[in-house]
PDB file of all heavy atoms in Angstrom:
ATOM      1  N   ILE A   1       3.875   9.541  -2.892  1.00  0.00           N
ATOM      2  CA  ILE A   1       4.137  10.174  -1.596  1.00  0.00           C
ATOM      3  C   ILE A   1       5.622  10.393  -1.386  1.00  0.00           C
ATOM      4  O   ILE A   1       6.044  11.451  -0.947  1.00  0.00           O
ATOM      5  CB  ILE A   1       3.554   9.273  -0.463  1.00  0.00           C
ATOM      6  CG1 ILE A   1       2.024   9.294  -0.494  1.00  0.00           C
ATOM      7  CG2 ILE A   1       4.059   9.780   0.919  1.00  0.00           C
ATOM      8  CD1 ILE A   1       1.390   8.373   0.543  1.00  0.00           C
ATOM      9  N   GLU A   2       6.428   9.412  -1.719  1.00  0.00           N
ATOM     10  CA  GLU A   2       7.875   9.499  -1.439  1.00  0.00           C
ATOM     11  C   GLU A   2       8.606  10.311  -2.492  1.00  0.00           C
ATOM     12  O   GLU A   2       9.687  10.874  -2.214  1.00  0.00           O
ATOM     13  CB  GLU A   2       8.477   8.104  -1.334  1.00  0.00           C
ATOM     14  CG  GLU A   2       7.971   7.359  -0.112  1.00  0.00           C
ATOM     15  CD  GLU A   2       8.863   6.216   0.245  1.00  0.00           C
ATOM     16  OE1 GLU A   2       9.428   5.519  -0.656  1.00  0.00           O
ATOM     17  OE2 GLU A   2       9.075   5.956   1.464  1.00  0.00           O
ATOM     18  N   ASN A   3       8.110  10.414  -3.732  1.00  0.00           N
ATOM     19  CA  ASN A   3       8.871  11.055  -4.792  1.00  0.00           C
ATOM     20  C   ASN A   3       8.356  12.405  -5.205  1.00  0.00           C
ATOM     21  O   ASN A   3       9.045  13.126  -5.929  1.00  0.00           O
ATOM     22  CB  ASN A   3       8.921  10.128  -6.036  1.00  0.00           C
ATOM     23  CG  ASN A   3       9.774   8.911  -5.824  1.00  0.00           C
ATOM     24  OD1 ASN A   3      10.999   8.981  -5.827  1.00  0.00           O
ATOM     25  ND2 ASN A   3       9.130   7.757  -5.674  1.00  0.00           N
ATOM     26  N   SER A   4       7.162  12.811  -4.729  1.00  0.00           N
ATOM     27  CA  SER A   4       6.663  14.126  -5.083  1.00  0.00           C
ATOM     28  C   SER A   4       7.416  15.211  -4.301  1.00  0.00           C
ATOM     29  O   SER A   4       8.249  14.932  -3.433  1.00  0.00           O
ATOM     30  CB  SER A   4       5.162  14.209  -4.781  1.00  0.00           C
ATOM     31  OG  SER A   4       4.454  13.350  -5.671  1.00  0.00           O
ATOM     32  N   GLN A   5       7.126  16.484  -4.600  1.00  0.00           N
ATOM     33  CA  GLN A   5       7.953  17.584  -4.154  1.00  0.00           C
ATOM     34  C   GLN A   5       7.919  17.784  -2.645  1.00  0.00           C
ATOM     35  O   GLN A   5       8.962  18.036  -2.033  1.00  0.00           O
ATOM     36  CB  GLN A   5       7.508  18.865  -4.867  1.00  0.00           C
ATOM     37  CG  GLN A   5       8.480  20.025  -4.630  1.00  0.00           C
ATOM     38  CD  GLN A   5       8.090  21.222  -5.445  1.00  0.00           C
ATOM     39  OE1 GLN A   5       6.961  21.330  -5.946  1.00  0.00           O
ATOM     40  NE2 GLN A   5       9.005  22.167  -5.603  1.00  0.00           N
ATOM     41  N   LEU A   6       6.763  17.685  -2.019  1.00  0.00           N
ATOM     42  CA  LEU A   6       6.682  17.875  -0.583  1.00  0.00           C
ATOM     43  C   LEU A   6       7.345  16.713   0.141  1.00  0.00           C
ATOM     44  O   LEU A   6       7.184  15.562  -0.259  1.00  0.00           O
ATOM     45  CB  LEU A   6       5.228  18.014  -0.137  1.00  0.00           C
ATOM     46  CG  LEU A   6       4.519  19.277  -0.630  1.00  0.00           C
ATOM     47  CD1 LEU A   6       3.053  19.251  -0.284  1.00  0.00           C
ATOM     48  CD2 LEU A   6       5.190  20.518  -0.068  1.00  0.00           C
ATOM     49  N   LEU A   7       8.101  17.027   1.196  1.00  0.00           N
ATOM     50  CA  LEU A   7       8.975  16.018   1.849  1.00  0.00           C
ATOM     51  C   LEU A   7       8.157  15.180   2.825  1.00  0.00           C
ATOM     52  O   LEU A   7       7.645  15.670   3.847  1.00  0.00           O
ATOM     53  CB  LEU A   7      10.123  16.708   2.564  1.00  0.00           C
ATOM     54  CG  LEU A   7      11.133  15.820   3.250  1.00  0.00           C
ATOM     55  CD1 LEU A   7      11.723  14.834   2.251  1.00  0.00           C
ATOM     56  CD2 LEU A   7      12.231  16.633   3.908  1.00  0.00           C
ATOM     57  N   ASN A   8       8.041  13.891   2.515  1.00  0.00           N
ATOM     58  CA  ASN A   8       7.374  12.932   3.379  1.00  0.00           C
ATOM     59  C   ASN A   8       8.209  11.668   3.482  1.00  0.00           C
ATOM     60  O   ASN A   8       8.944  11.295   2.547  1.00  0.00           O
ATOM     61  CB  ASN A   8       5.995  12.528   2.777  1.00  0.00           C
ATOM     62  CG  ASN A   8       5.022  13.692   2.738  1.00  0.00           C
ATOM     63  OD1 ASN A   8       4.350  13.982   3.689  1.00  0.00           O
ATOM     64  ND2 ASN A   8       4.962  14.352   1.615  1.00  0.00           N
ATOM     65  N   LYS A   9       8.103  10.988   4.600  1.00  0.00           N
ATOM     66  CA  LYS A   9       8.825   9.745   4.821  1.00  0.00           C
ATOM     67  C   LYS A   9       7.849   8.699   5.339  1.00  0.00           C
ATOM     68  O   LYS A   9       7.116   8.944   6.310  1.00  0.00           O
ATOM     69  CB  LYS A   9       9.955   9.957   5.844  1.00  0.00           C
ATOM     70  CG  LYS A   9      10.746   8.689   6.124  1.00  0.00           C
ATOM     71  CD  LYS A   9      11.830   8.963   7.148  1.00  0.00           C
ATOM     72  CE  LYS A   9      12.618   7.683   7.447  1.00  0.00           C
ATOM     73  NZ  LYS A   9      13.692   7.933   8.466  1.00  0.00           N
ATOM     74  N   ILE A  10       7.845   7.515   4.688  1.00  0.00           N
ATOM     75  CA  ILE A  10       6.975   6.430   5.085  1.00  0.00           C
ATOM     76  C   ILE A  10       7.721   5.429   5.941  1.00  0.00           C
ATOM     77  O   ILE A  10       8.838   5.056   5.645  1.00  0.00           O
ATOM     78  CB  ILE A  10       6.395   5.730   3.820  1.00  0.00           C
ATOM     79  CG1 ILE A  10       5.415   6.638   3.083  1.00  0.00           C
ATOM     80  CG2 ILE A  10       5.705   4.428   4.178  1.00  0.00           C
ATOM     81  CD1 ILE A  10       4.839   6.107   1.836  1.00  0.00           C
ATOM     82  N   ARG A  11       7.082   5.030   7.044  1.00  0.00           N
ATOM     83  CA  ARG A  11       7.679   4.048   7.948  1.00  0.00           C
ATOM     84  C   ARG A  11       6.674   2.907   8.215  1.00  0.00           C
ATOM     85  O   ARG A  11       5.459   3.109   8.112  1.00  0.00           O
ATOM     86  CB  ARG A  11       8.033   4.678   9.298  1.00  0.00           C
ATOM     87  CG  ARG A  11       9.068   5.756   9.209  1.00  0.00           C
ATOM     88  CD  ARG A  11       9.414   6.319  10.598  1.00  0.00           C
ATOM     89  NE  ARG A  11       8.305   7.068  11.205  1.00  0.00           N
ATOM     90  CZ  ARG A  11       7.537   6.626  12.174  1.00  0.00           C
ATOM     91  NH1 ARG A  11       7.763   5.389  12.697  1.00  0.00           N
ATOM     92  NH2 ARG A  11       6.579   7.358  12.663  1.00  0.00           N
ATOM     93  N   GLU A  12       7.197   1.750   8.505  1.00  0.00           N
ATOM     94  CA  GLU A  12       6.383   0.597   8.951  1.00  0.00           C
ATOM     95  C   GLU A  12       5.268   0.269   7.958  1.00  0.00           C
ATOM     96  O   GLU A  12       4.113   0.080   8.366  1.00  0.00           O
ATOM     97  CB  GLU A  12       5.816   0.867  10.342  1.00  0.00           C
ATOM     98  CG  GLU A  12       6.890   1.134  11.403  1.00  0.00           C
ATOM     99  CD  GLU A  12       6.313   1.454  12.786  1.00  0.00           C
ATOM    100  OE1 GLU A  12       5.127   1.099  12.999  1.00  0.00           O
ATOM    101  OE2 GLU A  12       7.021   2.050  13.597  1.00  0.00           O
ATOM    102  N   LEU A  13       5.618   0.189   6.676  1.00  0.00           N
ATOM    103  CA  LEU A  13       4.647  -0.150   5.682  1.00  0.00           C
ATOM    104  C   LEU A  13       4.280  -1.621   5.727  1.00  0.00           C
ATOM    105  O   LEU A  13       5.135  -2.487   5.828  1.00  0.00           O
ATOM    106  CB  LEU A  13       5.228   0.183   4.280  1.00  0.00           C
ATOM    107  CG  LEU A  13       4.401  -0.241   3.068  1.00  0.00           C
ATOM    108  CD1 LEU A  13       3.074   0.528   3.040  1.00  0.00           C
ATOM    109  CD2 LEU A  13       5.182  -0.001   1.774  1.00  0.00           C
ATOM    110  N   SER A  14       2.969  -1.876   5.699  1.00  0.00           N
ATOM    111  CA  SER A  14       2.468  -3.255   5.727  1.00  0.00           C
ATOM    112  C   SER A  14       1.428  -3.410   4.621  1.00  0.00           C
ATOM    113  O   SER A  14       0.509  -2.595   4.503  1.00  0.00           O
ATOM    114  CB  SER A  14       1.827  -3.557   7.103  1.00  0.00           C
ATOM    115  OG  SER A  14       1.201  -4.811   7.063  1.00  0.00           O
ATOM    116  N   ILE A  15       1.590  -4.463   3.783  1.00  0.00           N
ATOM    117  CA  ILE A  15       0.643  -4.764   2.697  1.00  0.00           C
ATOM    118  C   ILE A  15       0.296  -6.233   2.782  1.00  0.00           C
ATOM    119  O   ILE A  15       1.194  -7.096   2.912  1.00  0.00           O
ATOM    120  CB  ILE A  15       1.225  -4.451   1.329  1.00  0.00           C
ATOM    121  CG1 ILE A  15       1.556  -2.930   1.200  1.00  0.00           C
ATOM    122  CG2 ILE A  15       0.302  -4.857   0.232  1.00  0.00           C
ATOM    123  CD1 ILE A  15       2.142  -2.534  -0.120  1.00  0.00           C
ATOM    124  N   ALA A  16      -0.989  -6.559   2.722  1.00  0.00           N
ATOM    125  CA  ALA A  16      -1.424  -7.951   2.805  1.00  0.00           C
ATOM    126  C   ALA A  16      -2.633  -8.170   1.876  1.00  0.00           C
ATOM    127  O   ALA A  16      -3.374  -7.193   1.610  1.00  0.00           O
ATOM    128  CB  ALA A  16      -1.816  -8.305   4.260  1.00  0.00           C
ATOM    129  N   PRO A  17      -2.809  -9.380   1.362  1.00  0.00           N
ATOM    130  CA  PRO A  17      -3.970  -9.670   0.508  1.00  0.00           C
ATOM    131  C   PRO A  17      -5.260  -9.365   1.250  1.00  0.00           C
ATOM    132  O   PRO A  17      -5.372  -9.567   2.476  1.00  0.00           O
ATOM    133  CB  PRO A  17      -3.825 -11.139   0.190  1.00  0.00           C
ATOM    134  CG  PRO A  17      -2.385 -11.471   0.436  1.00  0.00           C
ATOM    135  CD  PRO A  17      -1.957 -10.586   1.551  1.00  0.00           C
ATOM    136  N   ALA A  18      -6.252  -8.871   0.493  1.00  0.00           N
ATOM    137  CA  ALA A  18      -7.525  -8.538   1.124  1.00  0.00           C
ATOM    138  C   ALA A  18      -8.346  -9.774   1.442  1.00  0.00           C
ATOM    139  O   ALA A  18      -9.332  -9.707   2.180  1.00  0.00           O
ATOM    140  CB  ALA A  18      -8.317  -7.603   0.203  1.00  0.00           C
ATOM    141  N   GLY A  19      -7.953 -10.934   0.857  1.00  0.00           N
ATOM    142  CA  GLY A  19      -8.669 -12.207   1.161  1.00  0.00           C
ATOM    143  C   GLY A  19      -9.898 -12.424   0.328  1.00  0.00           C
ATOM    144  O   GLY A  19     -10.731 -13.275   0.671  1.00  0.00           O
ATOM    145  N   ASN A  20     -10.036 -11.674  -0.737  1.00  0.00           N
ATOM    146  CA  ASN A  20     -11.193 -11.819  -1.627  1.00  0.00           C
ATOM    147  C   ASN A  20     -10.780 -12.624  -2.851  1.00  0.00           C
ATOM    148  O   ASN A  20      -9.965 -12.176  -3.650  1.00  0.00           O
ATOM    149  CB  ASN A  20     -11.702 -10.444  -2.041  1.00  0.00           C
ATOM    150  CG  ASN A  20     -12.996 -10.501  -2.811  1.00  0.00           C
ATOM    151  OD1 ASN A  20     -13.406 -11.552  -3.311  1.00  0.00           O
ATOM    152  ND2 ASN A  20     -13.680  -9.369  -2.875  1.00  0.00           N
ATOM    153  N   ASP A  21     -11.340 -13.834  -3.029  1.00  0.00           N
ATOM    154  CA  ASP A  21     -10.970 -14.732  -4.127  1.00  0.00           C
ATOM    155  C   ASP A  21     -11.356 -14.137  -5.503  1.00  0.00           C
ATOM    156  O   ASP A  21     -10.751 -14.431  -6.500  1.00  0.00           O
ATOM    157  CB  ASP A  21     -11.617 -16.116  -3.983  1.00  0.00           C
ATOM    158  CG  ASP A  21     -11.042 -16.856  -2.784  1.00  0.00           C
ATOM    159  OD1 ASP A  21      -9.914 -16.501  -2.371  1.00  0.00           O
ATOM    160  OD2 ASP A  21     -11.666 -17.783  -2.301  1.00  0.00           O
ATOM    161  N   GLU A  22     -12.352 -13.250  -5.508  1.00  0.00           N
ATOM    162  CA  GLU A  22     -12.796 -12.684  -6.754  1.00  0.00           C
ATOM    163  C   GLU A  22     -11.953 -11.464  -7.159  1.00  0.00           C
ATOM    164  O   GLU A  22     -11.856 -11.118  -8.328  1.00  0.00           O
ATOM    165  CB  GLU A  22     -14.273 -12.248  -6.675  1.00  0.00           C
ATOM    166  CG  GLU A  22     -15.212 -13.452  -6.450  1.00  0.00           C
ATOM    167  CD  GLU A  22     -16.648 -13.015  -6.407  1.00  0.00           C
ATOM    168  OE1 GLU A  22     -16.885 -11.763  -6.455  1.00  0.00           O
ATOM    169  OE2 GLU A  22     -17.547 -13.882  -6.293  1.00  0.00           O
ATOM    170  N   GLU A  23     -11.340 -10.775  -6.197  1.00  0.00           N
ATOM    171  CA  GLU A  23     -10.513  -9.612  -6.457  1.00  0.00           C
ATOM    172  C   GLU A  23      -9.115  -9.908  -5.955  1.00  0.00           C
ATOM    173  O   GLU A  23      -8.700  -9.465  -4.870  1.00  0.00           O
ATOM    174  CB  GLU A  23     -11.092  -8.381  -5.770  1.00  0.00           C
ATOM    175  CG  GLU A  23     -12.486  -7.974  -6.214  1.00  0.00           C
ATOM    176  CD  GLU A  23     -12.486  -7.489  -7.651  1.00  0.00           C
ATOM    177  OE1 GLU A  23     -11.400  -7.120  -8.140  1.00  0.00           O
ATOM    178  OE2 GLU A  23     -13.581  -7.429  -8.236  1.00  0.00           O
ATOM    179  N   LEU A  24      -8.320 -10.679  -6.714  1.00  0.00           N
ATOM    180  CA  LEU A  24      -7.046 -11.163  -6.244  1.00  0.00           C
ATOM    181  C   LEU A  24      -5.993 -10.045  -6.170  1.00  0.00           C
ATOM    182  O   LEU A  24      -4.988 -10.200  -5.481  1.00  0.00           O
ATOM    183  CB  LEU A  24      -6.533 -12.298  -7.185  1.00  0.00           C
ATOM    184  CG  LEU A  24      -7.417 -13.534  -7.260  1.00  0.00           C
ATOM    185  CD1 LEU A  24      -6.874 -14.502  -8.266  1.00  0.00           C
ATOM    186  CD2 LEU A  24      -7.509 -14.174  -5.902  1.00  0.00           C
ATOM    187  N   ASP A  25      -6.222  -8.935  -6.840  1.00  0.00           N
ATOM    188  CA  ASP A  25      -5.265  -7.829  -6.814  1.00  0.00           C
ATOM    189  C   ASP A  25      -5.584  -6.829  -5.686  1.00  0.00           C
ATOM    190  O   ASP A  25      -4.865  -5.873  -5.496  1.00  0.00           O
ATOM    191  CB  ASP A  25      -5.248  -7.076  -8.141  1.00  0.00           C
ATOM    192  CG  ASP A  25      -4.251  -7.658  -9.129  1.00  0.00           C
ATOM    193  OD1 ASP A  25      -3.175  -8.094  -8.659  1.00  0.00           O
ATOM    194  OD2 ASP A  25      -4.520  -7.730 -10.321  1.00  0.00           O
ATOM    195  N   GLU A  26      -6.679  -7.047  -4.953  1.00  0.00           N
ATOM    196  CA  GLU A  26      -7.015  -6.155  -3.858  1.00  0.00           C
ATOM    197  C   GLU A  26      -6.171  -6.456  -2.614  1.00  0.00           C
ATOM    198  O   GLU A  26      -5.979  -7.613  -2.245  1.00  0.00           O
ATOM    199  CB  GLU A  26      -8.505  -6.294  -3.493  1.00  0.00           C
ATOM    200  CG  GLU A  26      -9.447  -5.856  -4.619  1.00  0.00           C
ATOM    201  CD  GLU A  26      -9.340  -4.357  -4.841  1.00  0.00           C
ATOM    202  OE1 GLU A  26      -9.356  -3.604  -3.858  1.00  0.00           O
ATOM    203  OE2 GLU A  26      -9.230  -3.963  -6.013  1.00  0.00           O
ATOM    204  N   VAL A  27      -5.627  -5.397  -1.990  1.00  0.00           N
ATOM    205  CA  VAL A  27      -4.767  -5.552  -0.839  1.00  0.00           C
ATOM    206  C   VAL A  27      -5.180  -4.571   0.269  1.00  0.00           C
ATOM    207  O   VAL A  27      -5.757  -3.515  -0.039  1.00  0.00           O
ATOM    208  CB  VAL A  27      -3.277  -5.356  -1.164  1.00  0.00           C
ATOM    209  CG1 VAL A  27      -2.787  -6.462  -2.106  1.00  0.00           C
ATOM    210  CG2 VAL A  27      -3.031  -3.983  -1.752  1.00  0.00           C
ATOM    211  N   ASN A  28      -4.886  -4.937   1.506  1.00  0.00           N
ATOM    212  CA  ASN A  28      -4.995  -4.000   2.631  1.00  0.00           C
ATOM    213  C   ASN A  28      -3.600  -3.445   2.940  1.00  0.00           C
ATOM    214  O   ASN A  28      -2.611  -4.158   2.749  1.00  0.00           O
ATOM    215  CB  ASN A  28      -5.542  -4.706   3.834  1.00  0.00           C
ATOM    216  CG  ASN A  28      -6.948  -5.210   3.651  1.00  0.00           C
ATOM    217  OD1 ASN A  28      -7.753  -4.585   2.991  1.00  0.00           O
ATOM    218  ND2 ASN A  28      -7.257  -6.384   4.206  1.00  0.00           N
TER     219      ASN A  28
END
């Protein structure tokens, strides 16, 4: 999103674990 040609700006990014013990790489 940030590096492709069309100009976009991301604000207030939030990432948190999904809370699933079986899928530890899953995030919200």
